[in-house]
Amino acid sequence: MASTSSSALSISSSSTLVDGKAPRQSPASSPQCVSLPTRPWKTTAFCCKIAYNVMAMATTREAPPAEVAPTELIVVEPPEFVKTIQEVWDKVEDKYAVSSLAFAGVVALWGSTGMILAIDKLPLISGILEVVGIGYTGWFAYKNLVFRPDREAFLRKVKETYSEIIGSG
């Protein structure tokens, strides 16, 4: 019984099944060369699609000039903040200096982002800075936000600073 089961399981190497499928081999291929199967149906379908699109473009009829309706020019008003920015920019006397400062600000932001990313990659520094930030946040909340008189004094100071910056009394 063991010999019949072993003879039933032995398969010659020329007809080895891979995933239950017979291997694709062309009779002209040698053992050293591997050829991929061709797929003429995909090439044919793609060529037919291109030919159909070319035919569709070639057979479309353009409307004669009498059938073309005159187009109306629609003017879209910019949003209010764009108008405000344009007015402020027109009032600026030294546009070169303002543009230079804006460019310097962008470069500084880019540089500080790179520096922060470089510090964050250091193994010990980022953890220490995170602990310092959590500690300072706790201290600030305890000093300015927990008790009512401290909270009122903090809000008063914020409103005074806001009034100084904006210039409204």
N, C-alpha and C. Protein backbone atom coordinates (compact mmCIF):
# COMPACT_ATOMS: atom_id res chain seq x y z
N MET A 1 0.82 -1.19 0.00
CA MET A 1 0.00 0.00 0.00
C MET A 1 0.86 1.25 0.00
N ALA A 2 2.00 1.19 0.70
CA ALA A 2 2.90 2.33 0.72
C ALA A 2 3.51 2.55 -0.65
N SER A 3 3.79 1.50 -1.39
CA SER A 3 4.41 1.67 -2.70
C SER A 3 3.44 2.26 -3.71
N THR A 4 2.15 1.96 -3.62
CA THR A 4 1.19 2.54 -4.56
C THR A 4 0.97 4.00 -4.28
N SER A 5 0.97 4.39 -2.99
CA SER A 5 0.78 5.80 -2.69
C SER A 5 1.99 6.62 -3.10
N SER A 6 3.19 6.05 -2.94
CA SER A 6 4.37 6.80 -3.35
C SER A 6 4.47 6.90 -4.86
N SER A 7 4.05 5.88 -5.57
CA SER A 7 4.09 5.96 -7.03
C SER A 7 3.03 6.91 -7.55
N ALA A 8 1.92 7.09 -6.82
CA ALA A 8 0.88 8.01 -7.25
C ALA A 8 1.30 9.46 -7.02
N LEU A 9 2.19 9.68 -6.07
CA LEU A 9 2.60 11.03 -5.77
C LEU A 9 3.82 11.47 -6.57
N SER A 10 4.54 10.56 -7.15
CA SER A 10 5.73 10.97 -7.90
C SER A 10 5.32 11.53 -9.24
N ILE A 11 5.86 12.69 -9.54
CA ILE A 11 5.54 13.40 -10.77
C ILE A 11 6.87 13.69 -11.46
N SER A 12 6.90 13.53 -12.72
CA SER A 12 8.15 13.81 -13.43
C SER A 12 8.41 15.30 -13.43
N SER A 13 9.68 15.70 -13.55
CA SER A 13 10.08 17.10 -13.46
C SER A 13 9.60 17.90 -14.67
N SER A 14 9.32 17.26 -15.77
CA SER A 14 8.89 18.01 -16.94
C SER A 14 7.45 18.47 -16.84
N SER A 15 6.64 17.89 -15.96
CA SER A 15 5.25 18.31 -15.83
C SER A 15 4.94 18.78 -14.41
N THR A 16 5.86 19.46 -13.78
CA THR A 16 5.67 19.96 -12.41
C THR A 16 4.59 21.04 -12.40
N LEU A 17 3.69 20.95 -11.43
CA LEU A 17 2.61 21.92 -11.29
C LEU A 17 3.02 22.99 -10.29
N VAL A 18 2.75 24.22 -10.61
CA VAL A 18 2.99 25.34 -9.71
C VAL A 18 1.64 25.96 -9.40
N ASP A 19 1.25 25.95 -8.13
CA ASP A 19 -0.06 26.46 -7.70
C ASP A 19 -1.19 25.80 -8.47
N GLY A 20 -1.06 24.55 -8.78
CA GLY A 20 -2.12 23.81 -9.47
C GLY A 20 -2.21 24.12 -10.95
N LYS A 21 -1.25 24.84 -11.52
CA LYS A 21 -1.29 25.21 -12.93
C LYS A 21 -0.05 24.66 -13.60
N ALA A 22 -0.17 24.28 -14.83
CA ALA A 22 0.97 23.80 -15.59
C ALA A 22 1.85 24.98 -15.96
N PRO A 23 3.17 24.82 -16.00
CA PRO A 23 4.04 25.93 -16.37
C PRO A 23 3.90 26.28 -17.83
N ARG A 24 4.11 27.57 -18.13
CA ARG A 24 4.02 28.04 -19.52
C ARG A 24 5.42 27.96 -20.11
N GLN A 25 5.60 27.09 -21.05
CA GLN A 25 6.88 26.96 -21.71
C GLN A 25 6.64 26.85 -23.20
N SER A 26 7.41 27.60 -23.93
CA SER A 26 7.32 27.46 -25.38
C SER A 26 8.27 26.35 -25.80
N PRO A 27 7.96 25.62 -26.86
CA PRO A 27 8.83 24.53 -27.25
C PRO A 27 10.20 25.00 -27.71
N ALA A 28 10.34 26.24 -28.17
CA ALA A 28 11.62 26.70 -28.67
C ALA A 28 12.52 27.25 -27.58
N SER A 29 11.97 27.43 -26.36
CA SER A 29 12.79 28.04 -25.31
C SER A 29 13.75 27.02 -24.72
N SER A 30 14.95 27.48 -24.42
CA SER A 30 15.95 26.61 -23.82
C SER A 30 15.86 26.74 -22.31
N PRO A 31 16.48 25.85 -21.54
CA PRO A 31 16.40 25.93 -20.08
C PRO A 31 17.01 27.21 -19.52
N GLN A 32 17.93 27.87 -20.25
CA GLN A 32 18.56 29.08 -19.74
C GLN A 32 17.72 30.32 -20.03
N CYS A 33 16.81 30.27 -20.98
CA CYS A 33 16.04 31.44 -21.39
C CYS A 33 14.64 31.36 -20.82
N VAL A 34 14.12 32.49 -20.39
CA VAL A 34 12.76 32.58 -19.89
C VAL A 34 12.04 33.61 -20.74
N SER A 35 10.90 33.24 -21.26
CA SER A 35 10.13 34.19 -22.07
C SER A 35 8.80 34.45 -21.40
N LEU A 36 8.35 35.68 -21.50
CA LEU A 36 7.05 36.04 -20.93
C LEU A 36 5.97 35.81 -21.97
N PRO A 37 4.78 35.44 -21.53
CA PRO A 37 3.71 35.22 -22.50
C PRO A 37 3.26 36.55 -23.10
N THR A 38 2.85 36.51 -24.31
CA THR A 38 2.35 37.72 -24.96
C THR A 38 0.86 37.84 -24.73
N ARG A 39 0.37 39.06 -24.73
CA ARG A 39 -1.06 39.31 -24.50
C ARG A 39 -1.59 40.14 -25.66
N PRO A 40 -1.92 39.51 -26.75
CA PRO A 40 -2.38 40.29 -27.89
C PRO A 40 -3.74 40.93 -27.67
N TRP A 41 -4.56 40.35 -26.78
CA TRP A 41 -5.89 40.91 -26.59
C TRP A 41 -5.84 42.29 -25.94
N LYS A 42 -4.88 42.55 -25.03
CA LYS A 42 -4.78 43.86 -24.42
C LYS A 42 -4.26 44.90 -25.41
N THR A 43 -3.28 44.53 -26.21
CA THR A 43 -2.74 45.44 -27.22
C THR A 43 -3.81 45.79 -28.23
N THR A 44 -4.56 44.78 -28.65
CA THR A 44 -5.62 45.01 -29.64
C THR A 44 -6.71 45.92 -29.07
N ALA A 45 -7.10 45.69 -27.82
CA ALA A 45 -8.14 46.52 -27.22
C ALA A 45 -7.66 47.96 -27.08
N PHE A 46 -6.40 48.16 -26.70
CA PHE A 46 -5.86 49.50 -26.55
C PHE A 46 -5.81 50.21 -27.91
N CYS A 47 -5.35 49.50 -28.92
CA CYS A 47 -5.29 50.10 -30.26
C CYS A 47 -6.69 50.43 -30.78
N CYS A 48 -7.66 49.57 -30.50
CA CYS A 48 -9.04 49.85 -30.93
C CYS A 48 -9.58 51.09 -30.23
N LYS A 49 -9.23 51.24 -28.92
CA LYS A 49 -9.70 52.40 -28.18
C LYS A 49 -9.11 53.69 -28.75
N ILE A 50 -7.81 53.66 -29.07
CA ILE A 50 -7.18 54.83 -29.68
C ILE A 50 -7.80 55.13 -31.03
N ALA A 51 -8.02 54.09 -31.82
CA ALA A 51 -8.62 54.29 -33.15
C ALA A 51 -10.02 54.87 -33.02
N TYR A 52 -10.79 54.40 -32.03
CA TYR A 52 -12.14 54.91 -31.84
C TYR A 52 -12.10 56.40 -31.46
N ASN A 53 -11.16 56.77 -30.56
CA ASN A 53 -11.05 58.17 -30.16
C ASN A 53 -10.65 59.06 -31.33
N VAL A 54 -9.74 58.57 -32.18
CA VAL A 54 -9.33 59.34 -33.35
C VAL A 54 -10.50 59.51 -34.30
N MET A 55 -11.24 58.44 -34.49
CA MET A 55 -12.42 58.52 -35.37
C MET A 55 -13.46 59.47 -34.80
N ALA A 56 -13.66 59.43 -33.49
CA ALA A 56 -14.65 60.31 -32.88
C ALA A 56 -14.24 61.77 -33.02
N MET A 57 -12.95 62.07 -32.87
CA MET A 57 -12.49 63.44 -33.01
C MET A 57 -12.57 63.89 -34.47
N ALA A 58 -12.32 62.98 -35.40
CA ALA A 58 -12.32 63.35 -36.81
C ALA A 58 -13.72 63.57 -37.34
N THR A 59 -14.70 62.90 -36.77
CA THR A 59 -16.05 63.00 -37.30
C THR A 59 -16.92 64.02 -36.59
N THR A 60 -16.42 64.64 -35.52
CA THR A 60 -17.25 65.66 -34.86
C THR A 60 -17.36 66.88 -35.75
N ARG A 61 -18.53 67.46 -35.71
CA ARG A 61 -18.81 68.60 -36.56
C ARG A 61 -18.75 69.86 -35.71
N GLU A 62 -18.02 70.85 -36.18
CA GLU A 62 -17.98 72.12 -35.47
C GLU A 62 -19.17 72.96 -35.91
N ALA A 63 -19.68 73.75 -34.99
CA ALA A 63 -20.84 74.58 -35.29
C ALA A 63 -20.44 75.72 -36.21
N PRO A 64 -21.28 76.04 -37.18
CA PRO A 64 -20.98 77.19 -38.03
C PRO A 64 -21.02 78.47 -37.21
N PRO A 65 -20.42 79.53 -37.73
CA PRO A 65 -20.34 80.78 -36.96
C PRO A 65 -21.70 81.34 -36.59
N ALA A 66 -22.74 81.08 -37.37
CA ALA A 66 -24.06 81.61 -37.06
C ALA A 66 -24.66 80.95 -35.83
N GLU A 67 -24.28 79.69 -35.55
CA GLU A 67 -24.85 78.96 -34.43
C GLU A 67 -24.13 79.26 -33.11
N VAL A 68 -22.98 79.86 -33.17
CA VAL A 68 -22.21 80.13 -31.96
C VAL A 68 -22.83 81.32 -31.23
N ALA A 69 -23.16 81.10 -29.97
CA ALA A 69 -23.76 82.17 -29.17
C ALA A 69 -22.65 83.08 -28.65
N PRO A 70 -22.89 84.38 -28.58
CA PRO A 70 -21.87 85.27 -28.05
C PRO A 70 -21.66 85.00 -26.56
N THR A 71 -20.43 84.97 -26.17
CA THR A 71 -20.13 84.71 -24.76
C THR A 71 -20.11 86.02 -24.00
N GLU A 72 -20.60 85.95 -22.78
CA GLU A 72 -20.61 87.13 -21.93
C GLU A 72 -19.45 87.05 -20.96
N LEU A 73 -18.79 88.16 -20.75
CA LEU A 73 -17.69 88.21 -19.82
C LEU A 73 -18.25 88.41 -18.41
N ILE A 74 -17.96 87.44 -17.54
CA ILE A 74 -18.47 87.49 -16.18
C ILE A 74 -17.34 87.97 -15.28
N VAL A 75 -17.59 89.05 -14.57
CA VAL A 75 -16.59 89.62 -13.68
C VAL A 75 -16.88 89.12 -12.27
N VAL A 76 -15.88 88.49 -11.68
CA VAL A 76 -16.03 87.97 -10.33
C VAL A 76 -15.27 88.90 -9.38
N GLU A 77 -15.96 89.38 -8.37
CA GLU A 77 -15.35 90.27 -7.38
C GLU A 77 -14.50 89.45 -6.41
N PRO A 78 -13.31 89.92 -6.08
CA PRO A 78 -12.49 89.19 -5.10
C PRO A 78 -13.11 89.32 -3.71
N PRO A 79 -12.79 88.39 -2.83
CA PRO A 79 -13.32 88.47 -1.46
C PRO A 79 -12.84 89.73 -0.76
N GLU A 80 -13.47 90.05 0.36
CA GLU A 80 -13.21 91.28 1.09
C GLU A 80 -11.77 91.34 1.62
N PHE A 81 -11.24 90.21 2.11
CA PHE A 81 -9.89 90.25 2.65
C PHE A 81 -8.85 90.51 1.56
N VAL A 82 -9.13 90.09 0.33
CA VAL A 82 -8.20 90.35 -0.77
C VAL A 82 -8.19 91.86 -1.07
N LYS A 83 -9.36 92.47 -1.04
CA LYS A 83 -9.43 93.92 -1.26
C LYS A 83 -8.67 94.67 -0.16
N THR A 84 -8.83 94.21 1.08
CA THR A 84 -8.14 94.85 2.20
C THR A 84 -6.62 94.72 2.04
N ILE A 85 -6.16 93.55 1.66
CA ILE A 85 -4.72 93.35 1.46
C ILE A 85 -4.21 94.23 0.33
N GLN A 86 -4.98 94.35 -0.75
CA GLN A 86 -4.57 95.21 -1.86
C GLN A 86 -4.48 96.67 -1.43
N GLU A 87 -5.45 97.12 -0.64
CA GLU A 87 -5.43 98.51 -0.17
C GLU A 87 -4.23 98.76 0.74
N VAL A 88 -3.94 97.84 1.62
CA VAL A 88 -2.79 98.00 2.53
C VAL A 88 -1.50 97.99 1.72
N TRP A 89 -1.40 97.11 0.73
CA TRP A 89 -0.19 97.04 -0.09
C TRP A 89 0.01 98.32 -0.90
N ASP A 90 -1.09 98.92 -1.36
CA ASP A 90 -0.99 100.17 -2.10
C ASP A 90 -0.53 101.33 -1.21
N LYS A 91 -0.85 101.28 0.09
CA LYS A 91 -0.45 102.34 1.02
C LYS A 91 1.01 102.23 1.43
N VAL A 92 1.63 101.06 1.25
CA VAL A 92 3.02 100.86 1.66
C VAL A 92 3.92 101.68 0.75
N GLU A 93 4.82 102.45 1.38
CA GLU A 93 5.73 103.30 0.60
C GLU A 93 6.97 102.54 0.16
N ASP A 94 7.55 101.73 1.05
CA ASP A 94 8.79 101.03 0.74
C ASP A 94 8.47 99.54 0.54
N LYS A 95 8.01 99.22 -0.63
CA LYS A 95 7.60 97.84 -0.92
C LYS A 95 8.78 96.89 -0.96
N TYR A 96 9.95 97.41 -1.35
CA TYR A 96 11.15 96.58 -1.38
C TYR A 96 11.51 96.10 0.02
N ALA A 97 11.44 96.98 1.01
CA ALA A 97 11.78 96.61 2.39
C ALA A 97 10.77 95.61 2.95
N VAL A 98 9.51 95.83 2.67
CA VAL A 98 8.48 94.92 3.17
C VAL A 98 8.64 93.54 2.53
N SER A 99 8.92 93.52 1.23
CA SER A 99 9.13 92.24 0.54
C SER A 99 10.37 91.53 1.08
N SER A 100 11.42 92.28 1.36
CA SER A 100 12.64 91.69 1.92
C SER A 100 12.39 91.12 3.31
N LEU A 101 11.63 91.85 4.12
CA LEU A 101 11.31 91.35 5.45
C LEU A 101 10.45 90.09 5.39
N ALA A 102 9.50 90.07 4.47
CA ALA A 102 8.66 88.88 4.31
C ALA A 102 9.50 87.68 3.87
N PHE A 103 10.41 87.92 2.93
CA PHE A 103 11.28 86.84 2.47
C PHE A 103 12.19 86.36 3.60
N ALA A 104 12.74 87.29 4.37
CA ALA A 104 13.60 86.93 5.51
C ALA A 104 12.80 86.13 6.55
N GLY A 105 11.54 86.50 6.74
CA GLY A 105 10.70 85.75 7.68
C GLY A 105 10.46 84.32 7.22
N VAL A 106 10.23 84.15 5.92
CA VAL A 106 10.02 82.80 5.39
C VAL A 106 11.30 81.98 5.53
N VAL A 107 12.45 82.59 5.22
CA VAL A 107 13.73 81.88 5.36
C VAL A 107 13.99 81.52 6.82
N ALA A 108 13.70 82.44 7.74
CA ALA A 108 13.89 82.16 9.16
C ALA A 108 12.97 81.03 9.63
N LEU A 109 11.74 81.03 9.16
CA LEU A 109 10.80 79.96 9.51
C LEU A 109 11.30 78.62 8.98
N TRP A 110 11.79 78.62 7.75
CA TRP A 110 12.31 77.40 7.15
C TRP A 110 13.54 76.91 7.92
N GLY A 111 14.42 77.83 8.27
CA GLY A 111 15.61 77.46 9.01
C GLY A 111 15.30 76.94 10.40
N SER A 112 14.38 77.59 11.10
CA SER A 112 14.02 77.13 12.44
C SER A 112 13.33 75.77 12.39
N THR A 113 12.56 75.53 11.34
CA THR A 113 11.94 74.21 11.19
C THR A 113 13.01 73.14 11.01
N GLY A 114 14.02 73.44 10.19
CA GLY A 114 15.11 72.49 10.01
C GLY A 114 15.88 72.25 11.30
N MET A 115 16.10 73.32 12.06
CA MET A 115 16.82 73.18 13.32
C MET A 115 16.02 72.34 14.32
N ILE A 116 14.73 72.58 14.40
CA ILE A 116 13.89 71.81 15.32
C ILE A 116 13.87 70.34 14.91
N LEU A 117 13.80 70.07 13.61
CA LEU A 117 13.82 68.68 13.16
C LEU A 117 15.16 68.02 13.47
N ALA A 118 16.25 68.77 13.34
CA ALA A 118 17.56 68.21 13.66
C ALA A 118 17.68 67.92 15.16
N ILE A 119 17.17 68.81 16.00
CA ILE A 119 17.21 68.58 17.45
C ILE A 119 16.31 67.40 17.81
N ASP A 120 15.18 67.28 17.12
CA ASP A 120 14.25 66.20 17.41
C ASP A 120 14.85 64.83 17.10
N LYS A 121 15.79 64.78 16.16
CA LYS A 121 16.42 63.50 15.80
C LYS A 121 17.46 63.06 16.83
N LEU A 122 17.94 63.97 17.67
CA LEU A 122 18.90 63.58 18.70
C LEU A 122 18.19 62.73 19.74
N PRO A 123 18.79 61.66 20.18
CA PRO A 123 18.06 60.69 21.01
C PRO A 123 17.64 61.21 22.38
N LEU A 124 18.44 61.99 23.07
CA LEU A 124 18.13 62.38 24.43
C LEU A 124 17.52 63.77 24.52
N ILE A 125 17.90 64.66 23.63
CA ILE A 125 17.48 66.06 23.70
C ILE A 125 15.98 66.22 23.55
N SER A 126 15.38 65.50 22.62
CA SER A 126 13.93 65.68 22.39
C SER A 126 13.12 65.27 23.61
N GLY A 127 13.53 64.21 24.29
CA GLY A 127 12.82 63.78 25.49
C GLY A 127 12.94 64.79 26.62
N ILE A 128 14.15 65.36 26.76
CA ILE A 128 14.36 66.37 27.81
C ILE A 128 13.52 67.61 27.51
N LEU A 129 13.52 68.06 26.27
CA LEU A 129 12.73 69.24 25.92
C LEU A 129 11.23 68.99 26.11
N GLU A 130 10.78 67.79 25.85
CA GLU A 130 9.37 67.47 26.06
C GLU A 130 9.00 67.54 27.54
N VAL A 131 9.86 67.01 28.40
CA VAL A 131 9.61 67.06 29.85
C VAL A 131 9.63 68.51 30.34
N VAL A 132 10.57 69.32 29.82
CA VAL A 132 10.63 70.74 30.21
C VAL A 132 9.34 71.45 29.77
N GLY A 133 8.86 71.17 28.57
CA GLY A 133 7.62 71.79 28.09
C GLY A 133 6.41 71.40 28.92
N ILE A 134 6.31 70.15 29.29
CA ILE A 134 5.20 69.70 30.14
C ILE A 134 5.29 70.36 31.51
N GLY A 135 6.50 70.45 32.06
CA GLY A 135 6.67 71.09 33.38
C GLY A 135 6.30 72.57 33.34
N TYR A 136 6.75 73.28 32.30
CA TYR A 136 6.42 74.70 32.20
C TYR A 136 4.92 74.91 32.01
N THR A 137 4.28 74.06 31.24
CA THR A 137 2.83 74.18 31.05
C THR A 137 2.10 73.99 32.36
N GLY A 138 2.52 73.01 33.16
CA GLY A 138 1.90 72.80 34.47
C GLY A 138 2.12 73.98 35.40
N TRP A 139 3.34 74.53 35.41
CA TRP A 139 3.64 75.68 36.26
C TRP A 139 2.81 76.90 35.83
N PHE A 140 2.71 77.16 34.52
CA PHE A 140 1.94 78.29 34.02
C PHE A 140 0.46 78.14 34.39
N ALA A 141 -0.10 76.94 34.21
CA ALA A 141 -1.52 76.73 34.54
C ALA A 141 -1.73 76.92 36.05
N TYR A 142 -0.82 76.41 36.88
CA TYR A 142 -0.98 76.56 38.33
C TYR A 142 -0.86 78.02 38.74
N LYS A 143 0.07 78.76 38.17
CA LYS A 143 0.31 80.14 38.56
C LYS A 143 -0.78 81.09 38.06
N ASN A 144 -1.31 80.87 36.84
CA ASN A 144 -2.21 81.86 36.22
C ASN A 144 -3.65 81.41 36.04
N LEU A 145 -3.94 80.14 36.09
CA LEU A 145 -5.29 79.70 35.72
C LEU A 145 -6.07 78.97 36.81
N VAL A 146 -5.43 78.46 37.83
CA VAL A 146 -6.13 77.63 38.82
C VAL A 146 -6.99 78.47 39.76
N PHE A 147 -6.45 79.54 40.32
CA PHE A 147 -7.18 80.34 41.30
C PHE A 147 -7.80 81.55 40.63
N ARG A 148 -8.99 81.93 41.11
CA ARG A 148 -9.77 82.99 40.48
C ARG A 148 -9.06 84.35 40.45
N PRO A 149 -8.46 84.84 41.54
CA PRO A 149 -7.80 86.16 41.47
C PRO A 149 -6.62 86.16 40.48
N ASP A 150 -5.89 85.07 40.45
CA ASP A 150 -4.77 84.98 39.50
C ASP A 150 -5.28 84.95 38.07
N ARG A 151 -6.37 84.24 37.85
CA ARG A 151 -6.95 84.14 36.51
C ARG A 151 -7.44 85.50 36.04
N GLU A 152 -8.10 86.27 36.93
CA GLU A 152 -8.59 87.60 36.56
C GLU A 152 -7.44 88.55 36.26
N ALA A 153 -6.37 88.47 37.05
CA ALA A 153 -5.19 89.32 36.80
C ALA A 153 -4.56 88.95 35.46
N PHE A 154 -4.48 87.68 35.15
CA PHE A 154 -3.91 87.24 33.88
C PHE A 154 -4.75 87.73 32.70
N LEU A 155 -6.09 87.61 32.80
CA LEU A 155 -6.96 88.08 31.71
C LEU A 155 -6.85 89.60 31.56
N ARG A 156 -6.75 90.32 32.67
CA ARG A 156 -6.59 91.77 32.61
C ARG A 156 -5.29 92.14 31.89
N LYS A 157 -4.21 91.42 32.20
CA LYS A 157 -2.92 91.67 31.57
C LYS A 157 -2.97 91.35 30.06
N VAL A 158 -3.66 90.29 29.69
CA VAL A 158 -3.80 89.94 28.27
C VAL A 158 -4.58 91.02 27.53
N LYS A 159 -5.65 91.52 28.13
CA LYS A 159 -6.45 92.57 27.48
C LYS A 159 -5.65 93.87 27.35
N GLU A 160 -4.85 94.21 28.37
CA GLU A 160 -4.01 95.42 28.28
C GLU A 160 -2.97 95.29 27.17
N THR A 161 -2.34 94.15 27.08
CA THR A 161 -1.34 93.93 26.04
C THR A 161 -1.99 93.99 24.65
N TYR A 162 -3.18 93.41 24.54
CA TYR A 162 -3.92 93.44 23.27
C TYR A 162 -4.24 94.89 22.88
N SER A 163 -4.67 95.68 23.83
CA SER A 163 -4.99 97.09 23.55
C SER A 163 -3.75 97.88 23.14
N GLU A 164 -2.60 97.60 23.75
CA GLU A 164 -1.36 98.27 23.38
C GLU A 164 -0.95 97.92 21.96
N ILE A 165 -1.10 96.67 21.59
CA ILE A 165 -0.68 96.21 20.26
C ILE A 165 -1.61 96.77 19.19
N ILE A 166 -2.90 96.63 19.41
CA ILE A 166 -3.88 97.08 18.41
C ILE A 166 -3.97 98.60 18.38
N GLY A 167 -3.85 99.24 19.50
CA GLY A 167 -3.90 100.68 19.56
C GLY A 167 -5.29 101.22 19.86
N SER A 168 -6.24 100.34 20.12
CA SER A 168 -7.58 100.82 20.47
C SER A 168 -7.68 100.91 21.98
N GLY A 169 -8.38 101.93 22.44
CA GLY A 169 -8.41 102.19 23.86
C GLY A 169 -9.55 101.60 24.55
